Amino acid sequence: LLIPTGSSKVFYDKVSDTLVPKGVNLDDFYRFFLIPGMSHCS
């Protein structure tokens, strides 16, 4: 509730849009996990 989950999705997409055109595979150094049902941090 405090920080909508989509905020991290936006960050991930921004990093992807920046690095993938440079030939970077994000999974090589950056992995993102959604935790269904979890509140803020825990």
All heavy atoms as atom14 arrays in JSON, in Angstrom:
{
  "sequence": "LLIPTGSSKVFYDKVSDTLVPKGVNLDDFYRFFLIPGMSHCS",
  "atom14_mask": [
    [1, 1, 1, 1, 1, 1, 1, 1, 0, 0, 0, 0, 0, 0],
    [1, 1, 1, 1, 1, 1, 1, 1, 0, 0, 0, 0, 0, 0],
    [1, 1, 1, 1, 1, 1, 1, 1, 0, 0, 0, 0, 0, 0],
    [1, 1, 1, 1, 1, 1, 1, 0, 0, 0, 0, 0, 0, 0],
    [1, 1, 1, 1, 1, 1, 1, 0, 0, 0, 0, 0, 0, 0],
    [1, 1, 1, 1, 0, 0, 0, 0, 0, 0, 0, 0, 0, 0],
    [1, 1, 1, 1, 1, 1, 0, 0, 0, 0, 0, 0, 0, 0],
    [1, 1, 1, 1, 1, 1, 0, 0, 0, 0, 0, 0, 0, 0],
    [1, 1, 1, 1, 1, 1, 1, 1, 1, 0, 0, 0, 0, 0],
    [1, 1, 1, 1, 1, 1, 1, 0, 0, 0, 0, 0, 0, 0],
    [1, 1, 1, 1, 1, 1, 1, 1, 1, 1, 1, 0, 0, 0],
    [1, 1, 1, 1, 1, 1, 1, 1, 1, 1, 1, 1, 0, 0],
    [1, 1, 1, 1, 1, 1, 1, 1, 0, 0, 0, 0, 0, 0],
    [1, 1, 1, 1, 1, 1, 1, 1, 1, 0, 0, 0, 0, 0],
    [1, 1, 1, 1, 1, 1, 1, 0, 0, 0, 0, 0, 0, 0],
    [1, 1, 1, 1, 1, 1, 0, 0, 0, 0, 0, 0, 0, 0],
    [1, 1, 1, 1, 1, 1, 1, 1, 0, 0, 0, 0, 0, 0],
    [1, 1, 1, 1, 1, 1, 1, 0, 0, 0, 0, 0, 0, 0],
    [1, 1, 1, 1, 1, 1, 1, 1, 0, 0, 0, 0, 0, 0],
    [1, 1, 1, 1, 1, 1, 1, 0, 0, 0, 0, 0, 0, 0],
    [1, 1, 1, 1, 1, 1, 1, 0, 0, 0, 0, 0, 0, 0],
    [1, 1, 1, 1, 1, 1, 1, 1, 1, 0, 0, 0, 0, 0],
    [1, 1, 1, 1, 0, 0, 0, 0, 0, 0, 0, 0, 0, 0],
    [1, 1, 1, 1, 1, 1, 1, 0, 0, 0, 0, 0, 0, 0],
    [1, 1, 1, 1, 1, 1, 1, 1, 0, 0, 0, 0, 0, 0],
    [1, 1, 1, 1, 1, 1, 1, 1, 0, 0, 0, 0, 0, 0],
    [1, 1, 1, 1, 1, 1, 1, 1, 0, 0, 0, 0, 0, 0],
    [1, 1, 1, 1, 1, 1, 1, 1, 0, 0, 0, 0, 0, 0],
    [1, 1, 1, 1, 1, 1, 1, 1, 1, 1, 1, 0, 0, 0],
    [1, 1, 1, 1, 1, 1, 1, 1, 1, 1, 1, 1, 0, 0],
    [1, 1, 1, 1, 1, 1, 1, 1, 1, 1, 1, 0, 0, 0],
    [1, 1, 1, 1, 1, 1, 1, 1, 1, 1, 1, 0, 0, 0],
    [1, 1, 1, 1, 1, 1, 1, 1, 1, 1, 1, 0, 0, 0],
    [1, 1, 1, 1, 1, 1, 1, 1, 0, 0, 0, 0, 0, 0],
    [1, 1, 1, 1, 1, 1, 1, 1, 0, 0, 0, 0, 0, 0],
    [1, 1, 1, 1, 1, 1, 1, 0, 0, 0, 0, 0, 0, 0],
    [1, 1, 1, 1, 0, 0, 0, 0, 0, 0, 0, 0, 0, 0],
    [1, 1, 1, 1, 1, 1, 1, 1, 0, 0, 0, 0, 0, 0],
    [1, 1, 1, 1, 1, 1, 0, 0, 0, 0, 0, 0, 0, 0],
    [1, 1, 1, 1, 1, 1, 1, 1, 1, 1, 0, 0, 0, 0],
    [1, 1, 1, 1, 1, 1, 0, 0, 0, 0, 0, 0, 0, 0],
    [1, 1, 1, 1, 1, 1, 0, 0, 0, 0, 0, 0, 0, 0]
  ],
  "atom14_positions": [
    [[0.82, -1.21, 0.0], [0.0, 0.0, 0.0], [0.86, 1.26, 0.0], [0.53, 2.24, -0.67], [-0.92, 0.01, 1.22], [-1.81, 1.25, 1.4], [-2.82, 1.36, 0.27], [-2.52, 1.21, 2.75], [0.0, 0.0, 0.0], [0.0, 0.0, 0.0], [0.0, 0.0, 0.0], [0.0, 0.0, 0.0], [0.0, 0.0, 0.0], [0.0, 0.0, 0.0]],
    [[1.97, 1.26, 0.73], [2.76, 2.47, 0.89], [3.54, 2.83, -0.37], [3.66, 4.0, -0.73], [3.73, 2.32, 2.07], [3.08, 2.32, 3.46], [4.14, 2.13, 4.53], [2.32, 3.63, 3.7], [0.0, 0.0, 0.0], [0.0, 0.0, 0.0], [0.0, 0.0, 0.0], [0.0, 0.0, 0.0], [0.0, 0.0, 0.0], [0.0, 0.0, 0.0]],
    [[4.13, 1.84, -1.03], [4.84, 2.06, -2.29], [4.25, 1.09, -3.32], [4.59, -0.1, -3.3], [6.35, 1.84, -2.15], [6.93, 2.75, -1.07], [7.06, 2.1, -3.49], [8.43, 2.6, -0.85], [0.0, 0.0, 0.0], [0.0, 0.0, 0.0], [0.0, 0.0, 0.0], [0.0, 0.0, 0.0], [0.0, 0.0, 0.0], [0.0, 0.0, 0.0]],
    [[3.34, 1.55, -4.17], [2.71, 0.65, -5.12], [3.72, -0.22, -5.87], [4.77, 0.26, -6.3], [1.97, 1.6, -6.06], [1.63, 2.77, -5.19], [2.83, 2.92, -4.29], [0.0, 0.0, 0.0], [0.0, 0.0, 0.0], [0.0, 0.0, 0.0], [0.0, 0.0, 0.0], [0.0, 0.0, 0.0], [0.0, 0.0, 0.0], [0.0, 0.0, 0.0]],
    [[3.37, -1.49, -6.01], [4.26, -2.48, -6.6], [4.73, -2.08, -7.99], [5.87, -2.35, -8.39], [3.55, -3.84, -6.66], [2.88, -4.07, -5.41], [4.52, -4.95, -6.94], [0.0, 0.0, 0.0], [0.0, 0.0, 0.0], [0.0, 0.0, 0.0], [0.0, 0.0, 0.0], [0.0, 0.0, 0.0], [0.0, 0.0, 0.0], [0.0, 0.0, 0.0]],
    [[3.86, -1.41, -8.72], [4.21, -1.0, -10.08], [5.4, -0.07, -10.15], [6.04, 0.05, -11.2], [0.0, 0.0, 0.0], [0.0, 0.0, 0.0], [0.0, 0.0, 0.0], [0.0, 0.0, 0.0], [0.0, 0.0, 0.0], [0.0, 0.0, 0.0], [0.0, 0.0, 0.0], [0.0, 0.0, 0.0], [0.0, 0.0, 0.0], [0.0, 0.0, 0.0]],
    [[5.74, 0.56, -9.03], [6.9, 1.44, -9.0], [8.18, 0.67, -9.33], [9.03, 1.15, -10.09], [7.02, 2.09, -7.63], [8.22, 2.79, -7.48], [0.0, 0.0, 0.0], [0.0, 0.0, 0.0], [0.0, 0.0, 0.0], [0.0, 0.0, 0.0], [0.0, 0.0, 0.0], [0.0, 0.0, 0.0], [0.0, 0.0, 0.0], [0.0, 0.0, 0.0]],
    [[8.32, -0.53, -8.77], [9.5, -1.34, -9.06], [9.47, -1.87, -10.49], [10.52, -2.04, -11.12], [9.6, -2.51, -8.07], [10.05, -2.05, -6.82], [0.0, 0.0, 0.0], [0.0, 0.0, 0.0], [0.0, 0.0, 0.0], [0.0, 0.0, 0.0], [0.0, 0.0, 0.0], [0.0, 0.0, 0.0], [0.0, 0.0, 0.0], [0.0, 0.0, 0.0]],
    [[8.28, -2.15, -10.99], [8.15, -2.57, -12.38], [8.59, -1.45, -13.32], [9.28, -1.69, -14.32], [6.71, -2.97, -12.69], [6.46, -3.5, -14.08], [5.03, -3.97, -14.23], [4.76, -4.48, -15.64], [4.85, -3.42, -16.67], [0.0, 0.0, 0.0], [0.0, 0.0, 0.0], [0.0, 0.0, 0.0], [0.0, 0.0, 0.0], [0.0, 0.0, 0.0]],
    [[8.24, -0.21, -13.0], [8.68, 0.94, -13.8], [10.2, 1.04, -13.77], [10.84, 1.24, -14.81], [8.05, 2.25, -13.27], [8.68, 3.47, -13.94], [6.55, 2.25, -13.53], [0.0, 0.0, 0.0], [0.0, 0.0, 0.0], [0.0, 0.0, 0.0], [0.0, 0.0, 0.0], [0.0, 0.0, 0.0], [0.0, 0.0, 0.0], [0.0, 0.0, 0.0]],
    [[10.79, 0.88, -12.58], [12.25, 0.95, -12.48], [12.9, -0.13, -13.34], [13.85, 0.14, -14.09], [12.69, 0.82, -11.02], [14.17, 0.96, -10.84], [14.75, 2.21, -10.65], [15.01, -0.15, -10.87], [16.13, 2.35, -10.5], [16.38, -0.02, -10.73], [16.94, 1.23, -10.54], [0.0, 0.0, 0.0], [0.0, 0.0, 0.0], [0.0, 0.0, 0.0]],
    [[12.41, -1.34, -13.21], [12.95, -2.46, -13.99], [12.86, -2.16, -15.49], [13.81, -2.36, -16.24], [12.19, -3.73, -13.66], [12.65, -4.96, -14.43], [13.65, -5.78, -13.93], [12.09, -5.27, -15.67], [14.08, -6.9, -14.63], [12.51, -6.38, -16.38], [13.51, -7.2, -15.86], [13.92, -8.3, -16.58], [0.0, 0.0, 0.0], [0.0, 0.0, 0.0]],
    [[11.7, -1.66, -15.92], [11.5, -1.37, -17.34], [12.42, -0.25, -17.81], [12.92, -0.28, -18.94], [10.04, -1.0, -17.61], [9.09, -2.19, -17.46], [9.58, -3.34, -17.49], [7.88, -1.96, -17.31], [0.0, 0.0, 0.0], [0.0, 0.0, 0.0], [0.0, 0.0, 0.0], [0.0, 0.0, 0.0], [0.0, 0.0, 0.0], [0.0, 0.0, 0.0]],
    [[12.65, 0.74, -16.95], [13.55, 1.85, -17.31], [14.98, 1.36, -17.49], [15.68, 1.75, -18.42], [13.49, 2.94, -16.24], [12.17, 3.69, -16.14], [12.01, 4.7, -17.26], [10.82, 5.6, -17.01], [10.64, 6.6, -18.11], [0.0, 0.0, 0.0], [0.0, 0.0, 0.0], [0.0, 0.0, 0.0], [0.0, 0.0, 0.0], [0.0, 0.0, 0.0]],
    [[15.42, 0.5, -16.58], [16.76, -0.07, -16.7], [16.85, -0.92, -17.96], [17.83, -0.87, -18.71], [17.12, -0.89, -15.45], [18.48, -1.59, -15.63], [17.17, 0.0, -14.22], [0.0, 0.0, 0.0], [0.0, 0.0, 0.0], [0.0, 0.0, 0.0], [0.0, 0.0, 0.0], [0.0, 0.0, 0.0], [0.0, 0.0, 0.0], [0.0, 0.0, 0.0]],
    [[15.8, -1.7, -18.2], [15.78, -2.54, -19.4], [15.83, -1.7, -20.67], [16.6, -1.99, -21.6], [14.5, -3.4, -19.39], [14.42, -4.2, -20.56], [0.0, 0.0, 0.0], [0.0, 0.0, 0.0], [0.0, 0.0, 0.0], [0.0, 0.0, 0.0], [0.0, 0.0, 0.0], [0.0, 0.0, 0.0], [0.0, 0.0, 0.0], [0.0, 0.0, 0.0]],
    [[15.02, -0.66, -20.73], [14.99, 0.21, -21.92], [16.34, 0.88, -22.15], [16.7, 1.19, -23.29], [13.91, 1.29, -21.76], [12.5, 0.71, -21.8], [12.33, -0.44, -22.22], [11.57, 1.43, -21.38], [0.0, 0.0, 0.0], [0.0, 0.0, 0.0], [0.0, 0.0, 0.0], [0.0, 0.0, 0.0], [0.0, 0.0, 0.0], [0.0, 0.0, 0.0]],
    [[17.08, 1.11, -21.07], [18.39, 1.77, -21.18], [19.48, 0.8, -21.6], [20.34, 1.13, -22.43], [18.77, 2.41, -19.83], [17.75, 3.34, -19.44], [20.1, 3.15, -19.93], [0.0, 0.0, 0.0], [0.0, 0.0, 0.0], [0.0, 0.0, 0.0], [0.0, 0.0, 0.0], [0.0, 0.0, 0.0], [0.0, 0.0, 0.0], [0.0, 0.0, 0.0]],
    [[19.45, -0.43, -21.07], [20.58, -1.34, -21.25], [20.4, -2.39, -22.35], [21.38, -2.78, -22.99], [20.87, -2.05, -19.92], [21.28, -1.15, -18.76], [21.71, -1.99, -17.57], [22.39, -0.2, -19.16], [0.0, 0.0, 0.0], [0.0, 0.0, 0.0], [0.0, 0.0, 0.0], [0.0, 0.0, 0.0], [0.0, 0.0, 0.0], [0.0, 0.0, 0.0]],
    [[19.18, -2.84, -22.57], [18.98, -3.88, -23.58], [19.43, -3.42, -24.97], [20.08, -4.19, -25.7], [17.52, -4.36, -23.59], [17.23, -5.24, -24.81], [17.2, -5.12, -22.3], [0.0, 0.0, 0.0], [0.0, 0.0, 0.0], [0.0, 0.0, 0.0], [0.0, 0.0, 0.0], [0.0, 0.0, 0.0], [0.0, 0.0, 0.0], [0.0, 0.0, 0.0]],
    [[19.14, -2.15, -25.37], [19.65, -1.7, -26.68], [21.17, -1.71, -26.76], [21.72, -1.7, -27.87], [19.1, -0.27, -26.79], [17.88, -0.26, -25.94], [18.23, -1.15, -24.78], [0.0, 0.0, 0.0], [0.0, 0.0, 0.0], [0.0, 0.0, 0.0], [0.0, 0.0, 0.0], [0.0, 0.0, 0.0], [0.0, 0.0, 0.0], [0.0, 0.0, 0.0]],
    [[21.84, -1.75, -25.6], [23.3, -1.83, -25.6], [23.81, -3.26, -25.61], [25.0, -3.51, -25.49], [23.86, -1.11, -24.37], [23.54, 0.38, -24.32], [24.19, 1.02, -23.09], [23.93, 2.52, -23.06], [24.61, 3.18, -21.92], [0.0, 0.0, 0.0], [0.0, 0.0, 0.0], [0.0, 0.0, 0.0], [0.0, 0.0, 0.0], [0.0, 0.0, 0.0]],
    [[22.87, -4.2, -25.73], [23.25, -5.6, -25.78], [23.38, -6.26, -24.42], [23.9, -7.37, -24.31], [0.0, 0.0, 0.0], [0.0, 0.0, 0.0], [0.0, 0.0, 0.0], [0.0, 0.0, 0.0], [0.0, 0.0, 0.0], [0.0, 0.0, 0.0], [0.0, 0.0, 0.0], [0.0, 0.0, 0.0], [0.0, 0.0, 0.0], [0.0, 0.0, 0.0]],
    [[22.88, -5.6, -23.37], [22.99, -6.15, -22.02], [21.82, -7.09, -21.74], [20.66, -6.76, -22.04], [22.99, -5.01, -20.97], [22.95, -5.58, -19.56], [24.22, -4.14, -21.15], [0.0, 0.0, 0.0], [0.0, 0.0, 0.0], [0.0, 0.0, 0.0], [0.0, 0.0, 0.0], [0.0, 0.0, 0.0], [0.0, 0.0, 0.0], [0.0, 0.0, 0.0]],
    [[22.11, -8.23, -21.18], [21.09, -9.15, -20.69], [20.92, -8.87, -19.2], [21.82, -9.15, -18.4], [21.51, -10.6, -20.92], [20.48, -11.59, -20.38], [19.41, -11.21, -19.93], [20.83, -12.87, -20.43], [0.0, 0.0, 0.0], [0.0, 0.0, 0.0], [0.0, 0.0, 0.0], [0.0, 0.0, 0.0], [0.0, 0.0, 0.0], [0.0, 0.0, 0.0]],
    [[19.78, -8.29, -18.82], [19.59, -7.87, -17.44], [19.78, -9.02, -16.45], [20.31, -8.82, -15.35], [18.21, -7.25, -17.25], [18.16, -5.71, -17.24], [18.65, -5.16, -18.56], [16.76, -5.22, -16.94], [0.0, 0.0, 0.0], [0.0, 0.0, 0.0], [0.0, 0.0, 0.0], [0.0, 0.0, 0.0], [0.0, 0.0, 0.0], [0.0, 0.0, 0.0]],
    [[19.37, -10.22, -16.83], [19.48, -11.34, -15.92], [20.92, -11.65, -15.53], [21.17, -12.34, -14.54], [18.85, -12.6, -16.55], [17.33, -12.62, -16.4], [16.79, -11.69, -15.77], [16.7, -13.55, -16.93], [0.0, 0.0, 0.0], [0.0, 0.0, 0.0], [0.0, 0.0, 0.0], [0.0, 0.0, 0.0], [0.0, 0.0, 0.0], [0.0, 0.0, 0.0]],
    [[21.87, -11.1, -16.28], [23.28, -11.35, -15.95], [23.7, -10.66, -14.65], [24.66, -11.09, -14.01], [24.18, -10.86, -17.09], [24.1, -11.75, -18.32], [23.57, -12.88, -18.22], [24.54, -11.31, -19.4], [0.0, 0.0, 0.0], [0.0, 0.0, 0.0], [0.0, 0.0, 0.0], [0.0, 0.0, 0.0], [0.0, 0.0, 0.0], [0.0, 0.0, 0.0]],
    [[22.98, -9.57, -14.28], [23.38, -8.87, -13.06], [22.22, -8.34, -12.24], [22.42, -7.92, -11.09], [24.32, -7.7, -13.39], [23.63, -6.41, -13.78], [23.58, -5.35, -12.88], [23.04, -6.25, -15.02], [22.94, -4.16, -13.22], [22.42, -5.07, -15.37], [22.37, -4.01, -14.47], [0.0, 0.0, 0.0], [0.0, 0.0, 0.0], [0.0, 0.0, 0.0]],
    [[20.99, -8.39, -12.77], [19.86, -7.74, -12.1], [18.63, -8.64, -12.24], [18.17, -8.91, -13.35], [19.64, -6.38, -12.74], [18.39, -5.61, -12.34], [17.79, -5.76, -11.11], [17.83, -4.69, -13.22], [16.66, -5.05, -10.76], [16.7, -3.95, -12.88], [16.12, -4.14, -11.66], [15.0, -3.43, -11.32], [0.0, 0.0, 0.0], [0.0, 0.0, 0.0]],
    [[18.12, -9.09, -11.08], [16.93, -9.94, -11.09], [15.9, -9.39, -10.11], [16.22, -8.97, -9.01], [17.31, -11.39, -10.75], [18.28, -11.96, -11.78], [18.36, -13.45, -11.81], [19.16, -13.88, -12.96], [19.2, -15.1, -13.45], [18.48, -16.06, -12.88], [19.94, -15.38, -14.5], [0.0, 0.0, 0.0], [0.0, 0.0, 0.0], [0.0, 0.0, 0.0]],
    [[14.67, -9.4, -10.57], [13.55, -8.78, -9.87], [12.51, -9.85, -9.54], [12.14, -10.65, -10.4], [12.96, -7.67, -10.76], [11.68, -7.05, -10.28], [11.44, -6.84, -8.93], [10.72, -6.65, -11.19], [10.26, -6.25, -8.49], [9.53, -6.06, -10.77], [9.3, -5.87, -9.42], [0.0, 0.0, 0.0], [0.0, 0.0, 0.0], [0.0, 0.0, 0.0]],
    [[12.04, -9.85, -8.29], [11.09, -10.85, -7.83], [9.85, -10.16, -7.24], [9.98, -9.32, -6.34], [11.71, -11.73, -6.74], [12.94, -12.48, -7.17], [14.18, -11.85, -7.14], [12.86, -13.79, -7.6], [15.33, -12.54, -7.52], [14.0, -14.48, -8.0], [15.23, -13.85, -7.97], [0.0, 0.0, 0.0], [0.0, 0.0, 0.0], [0.0, 0.0, 0.0]],
    [[8.68, -10.51, -7.75], [7.43, -10.08, -7.12], [7.05, -11.1, -6.06], [7.2, -12.3, -6.26], [6.32, -9.97, -8.16], [6.43, -8.84, -9.18], [5.32, -8.95, -10.23], [6.34, -7.48, -8.49], [0.0, 0.0, 0.0], [0.0, 0.0, 0.0], [0.0, 0.0, 0.0], [0.0, 0.0, 0.0], [0.0, 0.0, 0.0], [0.0, 0.0, 0.0]],
    [[6.56, -10.61, -4.92], [6.13, -11.49, -3.83], [4.61, -11.32, -3.68], [4.14, -10.41, -2.99], [6.85, -11.16, -2.52], [8.37, -11.18, -2.73], [6.45, -12.16, -1.43], [9.18, -10.92, -1.47], [0.0, 0.0, 0.0], [0.0, 0.0, 0.0], [0.0, 0.0, 0.0], [0.0, 0.0, 0.0], [0.0, 0.0, 0.0], [0.0, 0.0, 0.0]],
    [[3.83, -12.17, -4.34], [2.38, -12.02, -4.31], [1.83, -12.0, -2.89], [2.24, -12.78, -2.03], [1.88, -13.27, -5.06], [3.01, -13.64, -5.97], [4.25, -13.31, -5.17], [0.0, 0.0, 0.0], [0.0, 0.0, 0.0], [0.0, 0.0, 0.0], [0.0, 0.0, 0.0], [0.0, 0.0, 0.0], [0.0, 0.0, 0.0], [0.0, 0.0, 0.0]],
    [[0.92, -11.06, -2.64], [0.24, -11.0, -1.35], [0.99, -10.32, -0.24], [0.42, -10.05, 0.82], [0.0, 0.0, 0.0], [0.0, 0.0, 0.0], [0.0, 0.0, 0.0], [0.0, 0.0, 0.0], [0.0, 0.0, 0.0], [0.0, 0.0, 0.0], [0.0, 0.0, 0.0], [0.0, 0.0, 0.0], [0.0, 0.0, 0.0], [0.0, 0.0, 0.0]],
    [[2.29, -10.01, -0.44], [3.05, -9.39, 0.65], [2.76, -7.9, 0.73], [2.62, -7.23, -0.29], [4.56, -9.62, 0.45], [5.39, -9.16, 1.66], [7.15, -9.5, 1.53], [7.71, -8.12, 0.49], [0.0, 0.0, 0.0], [0.0, 0.0, 0.0], [0.0, 0.0, 0.0], [0.0, 0.0, 0.0], [0.0, 0.0, 0.0], [0.0, 0.0, 0.0]],
    [[2.72, -7.4, 1.94], [2.51, -5.98, 2.19], [3.83, -5.23, 2.01], [4.73, -5.7, 1.33], [1.93, -5.76, 3.58], [0.69, -6.44, 3.72], [0.0, 0.0, 0.0], [0.0, 0.0, 0.0], [0.0, 0.0, 0.0], [0.0, 0.0, 0.0], [0.0, 0.0, 0.0], [0.0, 0.0, 0.0], [0.0, 0.0, 0.0], [0.0, 0.0, 0.0]],
    [[3.96, -4.08, 2.66], [5.16, -3.26, 2.49], [6.35, -3.9, 3.21], [6.4, -3.93, 4.45], [4.92, -1.86, 3.01], [6.06, -0.93, 2.77], [6.56, -0.67, 1.52], [6.84, -0.21, 3.64], [7.57, 0.17, 1.6], [7.77, 0.46, 2.88], [0.0, 0.0, 0.0], [0.0, 0.0, 0.0], [0.0, 0.0, 0.0], [0.0, 0.0, 0.0]],
    [[7.27, -4.42, 2.44], [8.51, -5.03, 2.92], [8.33, -6.4, 3.57], [9.22, -7.26, 3.48], [9.27, -4.12, 3.87], [9.9, -2.61, 3.11], [0.0, 0.0, 0.0], [0.0, 0.0, 0.0], [0.0, 0.0, 0.0], [0.0, 0.0, 0.0], [0.0, 0.0, 0.0], [0.0, 0.0, 0.0], [0.0, 0.0, 0.0], [0.0, 0.0, 0.0]],
    [[7.22, -6.61, 4.25], [7.03, -7.88, 4.95], [5.56, -8.09, 5.25], [4.76, -7.17, 5.16], [7.83, -7.89, 6.27], [7.29, -6.95, 7.17], [0.0, 0.0, 0.0], [0.0, 0.0, 0.0], [0.0, 0.0, 0.0], [0.0, 0.0, 0.0], [0.0, 0.0, 0.0], [0.0, 0.0, 0.0], [0.0, 0.0, 0.0], [0.0, 0.0, 0.0]]
  ]
}
